[in-house]
Each structure stands twice: as C-alpha cells, then as structure tokens.
C-alpha cells in the first residue's frame, strides 16, 4: 500500500489513539484502537477528504470575486446589513435544502445542512470590519466611510481578514453540499456579526440561537472556526489549550478639581494623577506577573482638558488587558483597580474613580481531543505546511462563546496569508517583524493560496468528524 505525503505508518504494534465517539449527541471520549486500524482510519479520512475536495471543490474564481466585493464594501460592527444580505443571497443560490435563518442577534445568519445520521458540527465565520483607513493600494481596496453606532463618520476596512473567513466558509459550504455522498451528519454554517466589539457571539446566543422555540439551531457536538493570520500563505497552525488570549478593556474616569493653569495650588490635577497611574500600571507585568506567564497591560488613550492654560477637572484613561490564564486574568484585573484607586487617594481626588467595562473576550481554549483529531488530519493533508503548537496569540476572539454557552468543545485554528516569496525573503533578512499584521491599514493577505487554504482547512475538518467512513468506523467500535 502506498501512503499519501505526511502519513507515516512505522509499525504494526498496538497503540492507543485519541478519537471521538460518534454517537449523535454524545460527549467526547477516548477509544482504543490498534495502530494498523488507526492508520487505516486516517488513511481513509485522507482519501475521503481528497475525494471531496478533488471532485467537488468549486472553481474558486467566483469566490475570488466575492472576496473582492466583500473587501471593497466593508461594514462596521452591528451595521453589517449589506454583507449579511450578500451572504444570505449566496447561500440561497447554493441549495434549497439549506435551512437558512437570519437576523440572529443583529445580522447573524445560520444555514443548516442535514445529511443523515452523524454528529453535528458548527463552522463559524465572522464578517464585520474595522474603523481603519485602508492604505494597501489594492485595486479593490476600500474607500468606504460610514457612520458608526455613535453617529461618527469613520473610514472602514477589512483589516482583520473577516472577508477571507466568509468567502472560505461559503466555498466550503458549496463543497459539502455537492459532496453529500462523502459525509453524514449535520453541519451548521454560522456567520457572525460584531466580533470586533466582542459582542456578536453572545448576542446570537442571547437572541435564542439554540432556543428550539426561536432560531432552533441544532446544538453542535463541537464548534470549529479559523482566522487568517500574518503567517506564510498556504500554512495552517493548530494548538491544544489556550490559542488566543482573554481581553478586558475599561474606561476609567479620574476626578480632580479644575483651576487656572497659573494657580495649580488651587487644583487637584487629574493629568498628574493619570500620569502616575500609567507608569505604575507598567509594574504589573514587570514585577507582579511571573516571567514565564504572558500578559499585557496597555493604556491606549489619555484624555483630559482642551487647552493649555486650564487644569481640567477630569481625566479619562482607556486600558486594555490581555492574559492567557484565568488565574492571572483575575489577579491582573485586581491589580489595575488597586493601583488606580491608590494613586487617586495619593493625589487627593475628591471622588472615587469610575471603572466602565468597554469590551470583554473570553480565553479561546482548544479542546484537546478535538484539536488532536484536527491536527492529525491537517498533518496528513497539508504536510510540512501544518504547524503544531504555535505560541498563544495575544489577540482575542469571542468564537468560544458559541460553544461554552451549551457546554460543548471548541477548536480554532490559524491559516496564513503572507505571500510565500515575501515571507521567505523577510525570514532570510530578519525583517518578519515588519510584515503588516491584522488591524494594520496595510494588512493585505495574498488572494491565493490563502483562499484555497481556508476552504481546504474547513473541508478537511468536515471530513475529520463527518466523513462517511470515519462515522462508520467510530459508530461501530465493537466491529473493530
């Protein structure tokens, strides 16, 4: 027997491997298989993925056009009406068999494909954009401006790659619909708004996403998703455990007493107090958090007063905190509040500071069993272009809320978007840190092979858990 690239069978000795039980609705479990059977199973999964992608993957030129249309017409969080309309329209063209439900938690959409017995998986893509003025120089670059929810006119750009997420999931949906003879189960294709605010996933859940009397989304056995990153195009990256950080953001108001700039003795200067706070906050990561723990505390904005000869009565700090463990997340939050209050007391503030939470994101934690299965499939399919166990990423995501709200596992992976030639040149000359990253006005993932990789990763994930041969093997362990 010849084996595909990336699949190595070294012995016929018994070996326990981690798999996922296939009874619909069951929780995850470990199934012991001999190594020959395990090898046969993964070889079969590889061939089934190869069949689905090779036979049913649509021509991607139409999806390149959809991507360009999305990129040129971004919309801010909670205002994604036109984007949602484009997604819904394309889904309805794909198949009348899809159960499509819209306006979930704002502009959220689900499309349910039921295809016989098997597990239920939820595949998620987000589709909001950012208030960034695009400077990529692309022929399809955004020049759009729109008013945000506060009625302020802002430039808008898909500076985080959500246009790739949508396009990849639409193409994967078409692939799965055309190749229904290769898999069995239920797929929920979920398109989420307002990820950049950290509110979109929770809004969909709170609006009755899983409520059988409202939107009636089948409760999935797992939630899967992906994000384009400034990695080498064509690559994918997976990791069990913490994949992305938690984020907590606050607006903090410091109260002083205003006075003429020439008479500071009559004032309680909130700018001075705020300055001490900014400096002192830097000691949290350098003197309280252990060196082997990852955390970031950033004061991204200080606002106080309007002119140079007036000492203002208030100062406003905007603070962003990133952490990768729940323990240190809580301790850092406590330290921030302790320092702010102590400096206000030292500065004789007439009132206690006010903390207003502006954003919060959970830890993105990848379930080990689900991630292990994905890693095996990705290693077989992508070969050396699959990277396992990257460092935790200090950006944050709300995808896990779609899983934790119904006590289900989640797995989230990355795929690269930086042109291979540029990546290799920068790697050779030590300038990888100069690559434009997510949220940069210059962030411009190369169209291909980025899109192809995103579609293939989602399709391989579908086959990992719903492939017909895999389901048959996993549903009948007594026959093994």
Protein backbone atom coordinates (compact mmCIF):
# COMPACT_ATOMS: atom_id res chain seq x y z
CA UNK A 1 0.00 0.00 0.00
CA UNK A 2 1.33 3.45 -0.84
CA UNK A 3 0.60 6.24 1.61
CA UNK A 4 -0.09 9.94 0.97
CA UNK A 5 2.52 12.52 1.84
CA UNK A 6 2.52 13.33 5.52
CA UNK A 7 1.08 9.94 6.61
CA UNK A 8 3.66 7.65 8.13
CA UNK A 9 2.97 4.12 9.39
CA UNK A 10 6.01 2.97 11.33
CA UNK A 11 4.91 -0.28 12.95
CA UNK A 12 2.10 -2.72 13.45
CA UNK A 13 2.35 -2.65 17.26
CA UNK A 14 -0.83 -1.94 19.26
CA UNK A 15 -1.21 1.69 20.16
CA UNK A 16 -3.97 3.67 21.83
CA UNK A 17 -5.02 6.73 19.86
CA UNK A 18 -7.42 9.50 20.77
CA UNK A 19 -10.63 9.50 18.77
CA UNK A 20 -14.09 10.92 19.17
CA UNK A 21 -17.11 8.75 19.78
CA UNK A 22 -19.64 9.08 17.02
CA UNK A 23 -22.99 8.52 18.70
CA UNK A 24 -25.03 11.64 17.94
CA UNK A 25 -25.27 13.92 20.96
CA UNK A 26 -22.67 12.02 22.99
CA UNK A 27 -19.79 13.77 24.68
CA UNK A 28 -16.20 13.25 23.66
CA UNK A 29 -14.44 10.07 24.72
CA UNK A 30 -11.26 8.11 24.08
CA UNK A 31 -11.40 4.95 22.00
CA UNK A 32 -8.52 2.47 21.95
CA UNK A 33 -7.56 1.25 18.50
CA UNK A 34 -4.65 -0.81 17.32
CA UNK A 35 -2.14 1.13 15.27
CA UNK A 36 -2.95 -0.70 12.00
CA UNK A 37 -6.65 0.14 12.45
CA UNK A 38 -5.85 3.72 13.41
CA UNK A 39 -3.59 4.07 10.39
CA UNK A 40 -6.28 2.65 8.15
CA UNK A 41 -8.80 5.07 9.64
CA UNK A 42 -6.66 8.13 9.00
CA UNK A 43 -5.68 6.88 5.56
CA UNK A 44 -9.38 6.53 4.78
CA UNK A 45 -10.10 10.02 6.13
CA UNK A 46 -7.33 11.41 3.94
CA UNK A 47 -8.72 9.71 0.86
CA UNK A 48 -12.25 10.86 1.66
CA UNK A 49 -11.04 14.47 2.04
CA UNK A 50 -9.13 14.05 -1.21
CA UNK A 51 -12.27 12.81 -2.93
CA UNK A 52 -14.48 15.60 -1.57
CA UNK A 53 -12.02 18.36 -2.41
CA UNK A 54 -10.82 16.91 -5.70
CA UNK A 55 -14.28 16.08 -7.01
CA UNK A 56 -16.50 18.78 -5.52
CA UNK A 57 -14.39 21.85 -4.71
CA UNK A 58 -15.93 24.61 -6.87
CA UNK A 59 -13.91 26.80 -9.17
CA UNK A 60 -12.56 29.49 -6.88
CA UNK A 61 -12.62 32.33 -9.40
CA UNK A 62 -16.22 33.12 -8.47
CA UNK A 63 -15.21 33.17 -4.81
CA UNK A 64 -12.27 35.43 -5.57
CA UNK A 65 -14.84 37.85 -6.99
CA UNK A 66 -16.98 37.52 -3.84
CA UNK A 67 -13.89 38.18 -1.73
CA UNK A 68 -13.05 41.33 -3.68
CA UNK A 69 -16.64 42.53 -3.38
CA UNK A 70 -16.58 41.99 0.37
CA UNK A 71 -13.18 43.63 0.74
CA UNK A 72 -14.25 46.73 -1.18
CA UNK A 73 -17.51 47.04 0.78
CA UNK A 74 -16.74 46.52 4.48
CA UNK A 75 -19.18 47.41 7.24
CA UNK A 76 -18.65 48.32 10.88
CA UNK A 77 -19.80 46.07 13.75
CA UNK A 78 -23.58 45.91 14.26
CA UNK A 79 -24.10 47.66 10.89
CA UNK A 80 -23.34 44.76 8.52
CA UNK A 81 -26.68 44.78 6.69
CA UNK A 82 -25.33 44.65 3.12
CA UNK A 83 -22.76 41.98 3.99
CA UNK A 84 -25.45 39.83 5.60
CA UNK A 85 -27.61 40.26 2.50
CA UNK A 86 -24.77 39.10 0.24
CA UNK A 87 -24.15 36.03 2.41
CA UNK A 88 -27.82 35.11 2.57
CA UNK A 89 -28.27 35.57 -1.16
CA UNK A 90 -25.35 33.29 -1.98
CA UNK A 91 -26.50 30.61 0.45
CA UNK A 92 -29.96 30.56 -1.10
CA UNK A 93 -28.41 30.08 -4.54
CA UNK A 94 -26.37 27.10 -3.35
CA UNK A 95 -29.26 24.83 -2.38
CA UNK A 96 -32.92 24.90 -1.44
CA UNK A 97 -32.09 22.14 1.07
CA UNK A 98 -30.39 24.60 3.41
CA UNK A 99 -32.44 25.80 6.38
CA UNK A 100 -31.48 29.48 6.46
CA UNK A 101 -32.27 31.73 9.41
CA UNK A 102 -31.33 35.39 9.53
CA UNK A 103 -31.22 38.45 11.82
CA UNK A 104 -29.97 36.48 14.82
CA UNK A 105 -28.51 38.82 17.43
CA UNK A 106 -28.41 41.59 14.86
CA UNK A 107 -27.28 40.46 11.41
CA UNK A 108 -26.26 36.90 12.32
CA UNK A 109 -27.07 34.04 9.94
CA UNK A 110 -27.14 30.25 10.15
CA UNK A 111 -27.57 27.76 7.33
CA UNK A 112 -28.29 24.19 8.43
CA UNK A 113 -27.48 21.22 6.20
CA UNK A 114 -28.91 17.92 7.45
CA UNK A 115 -27.47 14.84 5.77
CA UNK A 116 -28.42 11.67 7.61
CA UNK A 117 -27.14 10.28 10.88
CA UNK A 118 -23.95 11.51 12.48
CA UNK A 119 -22.52 14.23 14.62
CA UNK A 120 -23.45 17.89 14.36
CA UNK A 121 -20.65 20.39 13.80
CA UNK A 122 -20.87 24.18 13.72
CA UNK A 123 -18.50 26.09 11.42
CA UNK A 124 -18.26 29.80 12.17
CA UNK A 125 -17.09 32.84 10.18
CA UNK A 126 -17.26 36.47 11.34
CA UNK A 127 -17.97 39.30 8.91
CA UNK A 128 -17.63 42.78 10.46
CA UNK A 129 -14.84 45.24 9.61
CA UNK A 130 -12.82 47.94 11.37
CA UNK A 131 -12.72 51.77 11.50
CA UNK A 132 -9.41 51.89 9.63
CA UNK A 133 -8.46 53.88 6.51
CA UNK A 134 -7.08 51.35 4.03
CA UNK A 135 -3.60 52.02 2.60
CA UNK A 136 -2.87 48.72 0.82
CA UNK A 137 -3.05 50.14 -2.70
CA UNK A 138 -5.05 47.13 -3.88
CA UNK A 139 -7.23 47.69 -6.93
CA UNK A 140 -10.19 46.55 -4.83
CA UNK A 141 -9.17 48.49 -1.72
CA UNK A 142 -11.92 50.01 0.39
CA UNK A 143 -12.56 53.74 0.13
CA UNK A 144 -15.73 53.44 2.14
CA UNK A 145 -16.81 55.65 5.02
CA UNK A 146 -19.84 55.12 7.20
CA UNK A 147 -21.31 56.36 10.44
CA UNK A 148 -20.76 54.10 13.41
CA UNK A 149 -23.28 53.34 16.16
CA UNK A 150 -22.37 56.68 17.79
CA UNK A 151 -23.12 58.54 14.54
CA UNK A 152 -19.44 59.38 13.95
CA UNK A 153 -18.24 59.14 10.34
CA UNK A 154 -15.41 56.64 10.06
CA UNK A 155 -13.31 55.06 7.29
CA UNK A 156 -13.92 51.30 7.07
CA UNK A 157 -11.59 48.44 6.11
CA UNK A 158 -11.49 44.67 6.32
CA UNK A 159 -8.21 44.97 8.20
CA UNK A 160 -8.61 41.71 10.11
CA UNK A 161 -9.35 39.29 7.27
CA UNK A 162 -13.00 38.57 8.03
CA UNK A 163 -13.69 38.81 4.29
CA UNK A 164 -11.49 35.72 3.88
CA UNK A 165 -13.39 33.94 6.64
CA UNK A 166 -16.75 34.50 4.96
CA UNK A 167 -15.56 33.58 1.49
CA UNK A 168 -13.83 30.41 2.70
CA UNK A 169 -16.93 29.24 4.55
CA UNK A 170 -19.22 29.93 1.59
CA UNK A 171 -16.95 27.88 -0.70
CA UNK A 172 -16.69 25.10 1.89
CA UNK A 173 -20.48 25.05 2.14
CA UNK A 174 -20.78 24.57 -1.62
CA UNK A 175 -18.18 21.79 -1.49
CA UNK A 176 -20.03 19.97 1.29
CA UNK A 177 -23.41 20.37 -0.38
CA UNK A 178 -22.16 18.92 -3.66
CA UNK A 179 -20.37 16.05 -1.96
CA UNK A 180 -23.05 14.82 0.43
CA UNK A 181 -22.35 11.22 -0.54
CA UNK A 182 -18.96 11.52 1.21
CA UNK A 183 -20.18 12.56 4.67
CA UNK A 184 -23.05 12.02 7.06
CA UNK A 185 -24.40 14.21 9.84
CA UNK A 186 -25.41 17.85 10.23
CA UNK A 187 -23.42 20.99 9.50
CA UNK A 188 -24.35 24.44 10.79
CA UNK A 189 -22.72 27.20 8.75
CA UNK A 190 -22.80 30.22 11.08
CA UNK A 191 -21.96 33.77 10.02
CA UNK A 192 -21.41 36.07 12.97
CA UNK A 193 -21.55 39.89 13.19
CA UNK A 194 -19.81 42.23 15.63
CA UNK A 195 -16.77 40.14 16.53
CA UNK A 196 -14.63 43.27 16.74
CA UNK A 197 -16.77 44.53 19.61
CA UNK A 198 -16.64 41.17 21.36
CA UNK A 199 -20.44 41.11 21.44
CA UNK A 200 -21.51 39.23 18.32
CA UNK A 201 -21.39 35.64 19.54
CA UNK A 202 -23.07 36.47 22.85
CA UNK A 203 -25.75 38.48 21.03
CA UNK A 204 -26.60 35.50 18.82
CA UNK A 205 -26.79 33.17 21.83
CA UNK A 206 -28.82 35.65 23.87
CA UNK A 207 -31.22 36.11 20.95
CA UNK A 208 -32.17 32.43 21.12
CA UNK A 209 -29.69 30.87 18.70
CA UNK A 210 -30.11 27.46 20.34
CA UNK A 211 -33.65 28.01 21.62
CA UNK A 212 -35.89 25.39 19.91
CA UNK A 213 -38.78 27.86 20.09
CA UNK A 214 -36.90 30.65 18.34
CA UNK A 215 -33.98 30.13 15.94
CA UNK A 216 -33.70 26.40 16.72
CA UNK A 217 -30.04 25.95 15.78
CA UNK A 218 -29.10 22.32 16.47
CA UNK A 219 -26.82 22.14 19.49
CA UNK A 220 -23.48 21.12 17.95
CA UNK A 221 -21.15 18.44 19.22
CA UNK A 222 -18.33 20.91 18.61
CA UNK A 223 -17.73 24.46 17.34
CA UNK A 224 -14.97 24.96 14.76
CA UNK A 225 -13.52 28.10 13.23
CA UNK A 226 -10.42 29.69 11.75
CA UNK A 227 -8.63 33.02 11.36
CA UNK A 228 -6.28 34.33 8.68
CA UNK A 229 -3.00 35.50 10.21
CA UNK A 230 0.31 37.06 9.09
CA UNK A 231 1.86 33.62 8.55
CA UNK A 232 3.27 32.17 5.34
CA UNK A 233 0.46 31.69 2.80
CA UNK A 234 -0.57 28.05 2.42
CA UNK A 235 0.22 27.20 6.03
CA UNK A 236 -2.10 26.25 8.89
CA UNK A 237 -1.44 26.26 12.64
CA UNK A 238 -3.12 24.34 15.45
CA UNK A 239 -2.69 24.14 19.21
CA UNK A 240 -4.41 22.38 22.09
CA UNK A 241 -5.19 24.57 25.10
CA UNK A 242 -5.03 28.35 25.02
CA UNK A 243 -4.93 29.55 21.41
CA UNK A 244 -5.82 33.22 21.94
CA UNK A 245 -5.82 35.48 24.97
CA UNK A 246 -8.62 36.83 27.08
CA UNK A 247 -9.16 40.59 26.78
CA UNK A 248 -10.63 43.07 29.22
CA UNK A 249 -10.98 46.74 28.38
CA UNK A 250 -12.03 49.61 30.63
CA UNK A 251 -12.73 53.31 30.51
CA UNK A 252 -11.51 54.81 33.80
CA UNK A 253 -12.52 58.31 34.87
CA UNK A 254 -10.24 60.15 37.33
CA UNK A 255 -11.78 63.10 39.18
CA UNK A 256 -9.78 66.16 40.17
CA UNK A 257 -10.52 69.84 40.71
CA UNK A 258 -10.15 72.35 37.90
CA UNK A 259 -8.30 75.66 38.13
CA UNK A 260 -6.33 78.23 36.17
CA UNK A 261 -3.05 76.90 34.81
CA UNK A 262 -1.16 79.63 36.72
CA UNK A 263 -2.66 78.53 40.05
CA UNK A 264 -2.07 74.79 40.37
CA UNK A 265 -2.21 75.05 44.18
CA UNK A 266 -5.96 75.59 43.85
CA UNK A 267 -6.34 72.46 41.71
CA UNK A 268 -6.22 68.71 42.06
CA UNK A 269 -4.61 67.89 38.76
CA UNK A 270 -6.07 64.71 37.20
CA UNK A 271 -3.41 64.74 34.46
CA UNK A 272 -0.62 64.29 37.01
CA UNK A 273 -2.57 61.55 38.78
CA UNK A 274 -3.30 59.81 35.48
CA UNK A 275 0.40 60.00 34.56
CA UNK A 276 1.40 58.25 37.77
CA UNK A 277 -1.24 55.60 37.07
CA UNK A 278 0.15 54.94 33.59
CA UNK A 279 3.69 54.48 34.91
CA UNK A 280 2.63 52.37 37.87
CA UNK A 281 0.50 50.04 35.70
CA UNK A 282 3.65 49.02 33.84
CA UNK A 283 4.93 47.32 37.00
CA UNK A 284 2.10 44.76 36.93
CA UNK A 285 3.67 42.76 34.10
CA UNK A 286 7.28 43.51 35.07
CA UNK A 287 7.03 42.99 38.85
CA UNK A 288 3.85 41.02 39.65
CA UNK A 289 3.33 38.58 36.78
CA UNK A 290 5.86 35.68 36.70
CA UNK A 291 8.41 35.79 33.85
CA UNK A 292 7.02 32.58 32.35
CA UNK A 293 3.45 33.95 32.26
CA UNK A 294 2.22 36.02 29.32
CA UNK A 295 0.28 39.23 29.94
CA UNK A 296 -0.03 42.76 28.55
CA UNK A 297 -1.43 45.93 30.15
CA UNK A 298 -1.80 48.84 27.74
CA UNK A 299 -3.08 52.37 28.31
CA UNK A 300 -4.21 53.17 24.81
CA UNK A 301 -5.74 56.59 25.43
CA UNK A 302 -5.47 59.50 27.88
CA UNK A 303 -7.92 62.37 27.52
CA UNK A 304 -8.11 65.49 29.70
CA UNK A 305 -8.78 69.16 29.05
CA UNK A 306 -8.97 71.22 25.88
CA UNK A 307 -6.42 73.98 26.25
CA UNK A 308 -3.01 74.65 27.77
CA UNK A 309 -3.85 77.19 30.48
CA UNK A 310 -6.65 75.32 32.20
CA UNK A 311 -6.19 72.43 34.62
CA UNK A 312 -9.15 70.20 33.91
CA UNK A 313 -11.41 68.54 36.44
CA UNK A 314 -11.33 65.05 34.92
CA UNK A 315 -9.05 62.66 33.07
CA UNK A 316 -10.13 59.54 31.20
CA UNK A 317 -7.90 56.51 30.68
CA UNK A 318 -8.70 53.67 28.32
CA UNK A 319 -6.98 50.47 29.46
CA UNK A 320 -6.64 47.14 27.65
CA UNK A 321 -5.55 43.94 29.42
CA UNK A 322 -4.52 40.65 27.80
CA UNK A 323 -3.92 37.38 29.65
CA UNK A 324 -3.66 33.68 28.83
CA UNK A 325 -4.74 32.03 32.08
CA UNK A 326 -7.86 32.58 34.13
CA UNK A 327 -5.88 32.85 37.36
CA UNK A 328 -3.71 35.71 36.17
CA UNK A 329 -6.58 37.35 34.37
CA UNK A 330 -8.32 37.90 37.71
CA UNK A 331 -5.15 38.92 39.55
CA UNK A 332 -4.21 41.49 36.91
CA UNK A 333 -7.71 42.99 36.95
CA UNK A 334 -7.46 43.31 40.73
CA UNK A 335 -4.01 44.93 40.44
CA UNK A 336 -5.22 47.50 37.90
CA UNK A 337 -8.07 48.57 40.17
CA UNK A 338 -5.82 48.62 43.24
CA UNK A 339 -3.25 50.88 41.55
CA UNK A 340 -5.81 53.29 40.13
CA UNK A 341 -7.56 53.70 43.48
CA UNK A 342 -4.29 54.06 45.39
CA UNK A 343 -2.97 56.79 43.08
CA UNK A 344 -6.29 58.63 43.30
CA UNK A 345 -6.07 58.53 47.08
CA UNK A 346 -2.45 59.71 46.96
CA UNK A 347 -3.46 62.57 44.69
CA UNK A 348 -6.35 63.66 46.99
CA UNK A 349 -9.07 63.02 44.40
CA UNK A 350 -12.42 64.31 45.66
CA UNK A 351 -14.26 61.24 44.32
CA UNK A 352 -13.57 57.57 43.75
CA UNK A 353 -12.52 56.65 40.19
CA UNK A 354 -15.21 55.12 37.98
CA UNK A 355 -14.50 51.92 36.02
CA UNK A 356 -16.65 51.20 32.95
CA UNK A 357 -16.09 47.91 31.14
CA UNK A 358 -16.00 48.58 27.39
CA UNK A 359 -15.10 45.14 25.99
CA UNK A 360 -14.51 41.62 27.18
CA UNK A 361 -13.38 38.48 25.37
CA UNK A 362 -13.01 35.00 26.85
CA UNK A 363 -9.93 32.84 26.51
CA UNK A 364 -10.02 30.89 23.26
CA UNK A 365 -9.29 27.42 24.57
CA UNK A 366 -8.99 24.50 22.16
CA UNK A 367 -10.35 21.18 23.39
CA UNK A 368 -7.56 18.61 23.35
CA UNK A 369 -9.50 15.69 21.80
CA UNK A 370 -11.00 17.82 19.03
CA UNK A 371 -7.69 19.58 18.37
CA UNK A 372 -5.78 16.28 18.25
CA UNK A 373 -8.15 14.96 15.59
CA UNK A 374 -7.82 18.17 13.57
CA UNK A 375 -4.02 18.08 13.90
CA UNK A 376 -3.81 14.53 12.55
CA UNK A 377 -5.96 15.43 9.54
CA UNK A 378 -4.12 18.69 8.86
CA UNK A 379 -0.74 16.99 9.11
CA UNK A 380 -1.87 14.43 6.54
CA UNK A 381 -3.41 16.99 4.20
CA UNK A 382 -1.05 19.97 4.50
CA UNK A 383 2.14 18.08 5.32
CA UNK A 384 5.02 20.40 6.21
CA UNK A 385 2.69 23.40 5.85
CA UNK A 386 0.97 22.37 9.07
CA UNK A 387 2.48 23.84 12.23
CA UNK A 388 1.52 22.35 15.58
CA UNK A 389 1.67 24.18 18.90
CA UNK A 390 2.31 27.83 17.99
CA UNK A 391 2.67 30.28 20.86
CA UNK A 392 -0.61 31.65 22.28
CA UNK A 393 -1.73 34.67 20.28
CA UNK A 394 -2.47 37.79 22.31
CA UNK A 395 -5.28 38.90 20.04
CA UNK A 396 -8.71 37.83 21.28
CA UNK A 397 -11.86 36.19 19.92
CA UNK A 398 -15.44 35.53 21.01
CA UNK A 399 -15.98 32.32 18.99
CA UNK A 400 -15.75 30.11 22.09
CA UNK A 401 -18.97 31.62 23.47
CA UNK A 402 -20.86 29.70 20.78
CA UNK A 403 -19.51 26.52 22.40
CA UNK A 404 -19.31 27.34 26.11
CA UNK A 405 -22.92 28.59 26.16
CA UNK A 406 -24.08 25.00 25.50
CA UNK A 407 -21.15 23.25 27.22
CA UNK A 408 -19.56 21.99 24.03
CA UNK A 409 -15.89 21.87 22.94
CA UNK A 410 -14.34 24.41 20.62
CA UNK A 411 -11.38 24.29 18.25
CA UNK A 412 -9.97 27.32 16.42
CA UNK A 413 -7.00 27.31 14.05
CA UNK A 414 -5.00 29.82 12.01
CA UNK A 415 -4.15 29.92 8.31
CA UNK A 416 -1.50 32.07 6.69
CA UNK A 417 -1.94 34.93 4.24
CA UNK A 418 1.52 36.38 3.56
CA UNK A 419 2.90 35.81 0.08
CA UNK A 420 5.43 32.96 0.25
CA UNK A 421 8.12 34.88 -1.62
CA UNK A 422 7.80 37.91 0.67
CA UNK A 423 7.78 35.67 3.75
CA UNK A 424 10.90 33.77 2.69
CA UNK A 425 12.79 36.96 1.81
CA UNK A 426 11.92 38.58 5.11
CA UNK A 427 12.76 35.43 7.02
CA UNK A 428 16.18 35.36 5.37
CA UNK A 429 16.96 39.02 6.09
CA UNK A 430 15.40 39.10 9.58
CA UNK A 431 12.54 41.51 8.87
CA UNK A 432 9.49 39.33 9.58
CA UNK A 433 8.54 41.81 12.30
CA UNK A 434 7.93 44.43 9.57
CA UNK A 435 5.11 42.44 7.92
CA UNK A 436 1.76 44.23 8.14
CA UNK A 437 -0.40 42.43 10.68
CA UNK A 438 -4.12 42.25 11.43
CA UNK A 439 -5.68 45.68 12.10
CA UNK A 440 -2.94 47.45 10.14
CA UNK A 441 -4.07 49.73 7.29
CA UNK A 442 -1.56 47.80 5.15
CA UNK A 443 -2.83 44.30 6.02
CA UNK A 444 -3.38 42.61 2.65
CA UNK A 445 -3.28 38.80 2.63
CA UNK A 446 -2.45 37.48 -0.83
CA UNK A 447 -5.60 36.19 -2.51
CA UNK A 448 -4.14 32.79 -3.41
CA UNK A 449 -3.23 30.36 -1.98
CA UNK A 450 -4.82 31.97 1.09
CA UNK A 451 -8.39 31.42 -0.04
CA UNK A 452 -7.73 27.88 -1.23
CA UNK A 453 -6.09 27.02 2.10
CA UNK A 454 -9.04 28.41 4.07
CA UNK A 455 -11.53 26.39 2.03
CA UNK A 456 -9.49 23.19 2.24
CA UNK A 457 -8.96 23.52 6.00
CA UNK A 458 -12.71 23.78 6.61
CA UNK A 459 -13.42 20.88 4.25
CA UNK A 460 -10.80 18.65 5.86
CA UNK A 461 -12.33 19.49 9.25
CA UNK A 462 -15.76 18.45 7.97
CA UNK A 463 -14.39 15.12 6.78
CA UNK A 464 -12.48 14.58 10.04
CA UNK A 465 -15.71 14.44 12.01
CA UNK A 466 -18.42 13.66 9.45
CA UNK A 467 -16.65 11.63 6.75
CA UNK A 468 -18.76 8.57 5.97
CA UNK A 469 -16.01 6.03 6.55
CA UNK A 470 -14.97 7.75 9.76
CA UNK A 471 -18.54 7.73 11.05
CA UNK A 472 -18.95 4.07 10.21
CA UNK A 473 -15.71 3.20 12.00
CA UNK A 474 -16.49 5.31 15.04
CA UNK A 475 -20.11 4.32 15.36
CA UNK A 476 -19.19 0.61 15.42
CA UNK A 477 -16.21 0.17 17.77
CA UNK A 478 -17.36 -3.38 18.54
CA UNK A 479 -16.64 -4.28 14.92
CA UNK A 480 -13.04 -3.05 15.04
